[in-house]
Amino acid sequence: MSTPYTYADKVIDALGGTSAVAKRIEAPVSTVHSWRRIGIPSSRMSHLKLIASMEDVALPEERDAAA
């Protein structure tokens, strides 16, 4: 049985993947990887939105999470 593609997966992938996000926020890869399962903490989500804005990366809408 496969794991559903979550909103966290979409955000992380839009920003270049687990390793790229970890490098940008100076966090362990294991931390970012865990977000794929537990979700992105709101404080980190704010940071990722800022990074996306600065790099002109479109993030998915949260309501599209199940799509």
Protein backbone atom coordinates (compact mmCIF):
# COMPACT_ATOMS: atom_id res chain seq x y z
CA MET A 1 0.00 0.00 0.00
CA SER A 2 1.47 3.33 -1.00
CA THR A 3 1.58 6.44 1.14
CA PRO A 4 -0.63 9.30 -0.10
CA TYR A 5 1.07 12.32 -1.65
CA THR A 6 0.58 14.95 1.05
CA TYR A 7 0.57 18.74 1.03
CA ALA A 8 3.95 18.59 2.78
CA ASP A 9 5.27 16.38 -0.04
CA LYS A 10 4.06 18.91 -2.62
CA VAL A 11 5.69 21.85 -0.83
CA ILE A 12 8.99 20.06 -0.28
CA ASP A 13 9.09 18.83 -3.88
CA ALA A 14 8.23 22.29 -5.24
CA LEU A 15 11.27 23.64 -3.39
CA GLY A 16 13.61 21.03 -4.85
CA GLY A 17 13.20 18.03 -2.57
CA THR A 18 14.17 16.97 0.91
CA SER A 19 17.90 17.67 0.67
CA ALA A 20 17.43 21.05 -1.01
CA VAL A 21 14.95 22.21 1.63
CA ALA A 22 17.17 20.97 4.46
CA LYS A 23 20.12 22.86 3.04
CA ARG A 24 18.11 26.07 2.59
CA ILE A 25 16.83 26.09 6.17
CA GLU A 26 20.01 24.64 7.68
CA ALA A 27 18.19 21.67 9.20
CA PRO A 28 19.01 17.96 9.17
CA VAL A 29 17.67 16.04 6.18
CA SER A 30 15.96 13.69 8.65
CA THR A 31 13.93 16.61 10.01
CA VAL A 32 12.62 17.61 6.60
CA HIS A 33 12.02 13.98 5.70
CA SER A 34 9.87 13.56 8.81
CA TRP A 35 7.66 16.45 7.67
CA ARG A 36 6.52 14.32 4.75
CA ARG A 37 4.88 12.03 7.33
CA ILE A 38 3.89 14.41 10.15
CA GLY A 39 3.38 17.68 8.26
CA ILE A 40 5.37 20.90 8.20
CA PRO A 41 5.29 22.90 11.46
CA SER A 42 3.62 26.29 11.02
CA SER A 43 6.76 28.23 11.96
CA ARG A 44 8.74 26.36 9.31
CA MET A 45 5.93 26.70 6.77
CA SER A 46 6.18 30.48 7.13
CA HIS A 47 9.91 30.22 6.44
CA LEU A 48 9.34 27.99 3.40
CA LYS A 49 6.73 30.42 2.02
CA LEU A 50 9.26 33.24 2.35
CA ILE A 51 11.91 31.18 0.54
CA ALA A 52 9.43 30.32 -2.21
CA SER A 53 8.50 33.98 -2.61
CA MET A 54 12.14 35.08 -2.80
CA GLU A 55 12.93 32.37 -5.36
CA ASP A 56 9.71 32.89 -7.34
CA VAL A 57 8.54 29.33 -6.70
CA ALA A 58 4.80 28.68 -6.78
CA LEU A 59 3.66 26.57 -3.84
CA PRO A 60 0.48 24.51 -4.05
CA GLU A 61 -2.64 25.74 -2.33
CA GLU A 62 -3.32 23.86 0.88
CA ARG A 63 -6.83 22.97 -0.28
CA ASP A 64 -5.18 21.05 -3.16
CA ALA A 65 -3.48 18.72 -0.66
CA ALA A 66 -5.70 15.75 -1.46
CA ALA A 67 -5.50 16.25 -5.20
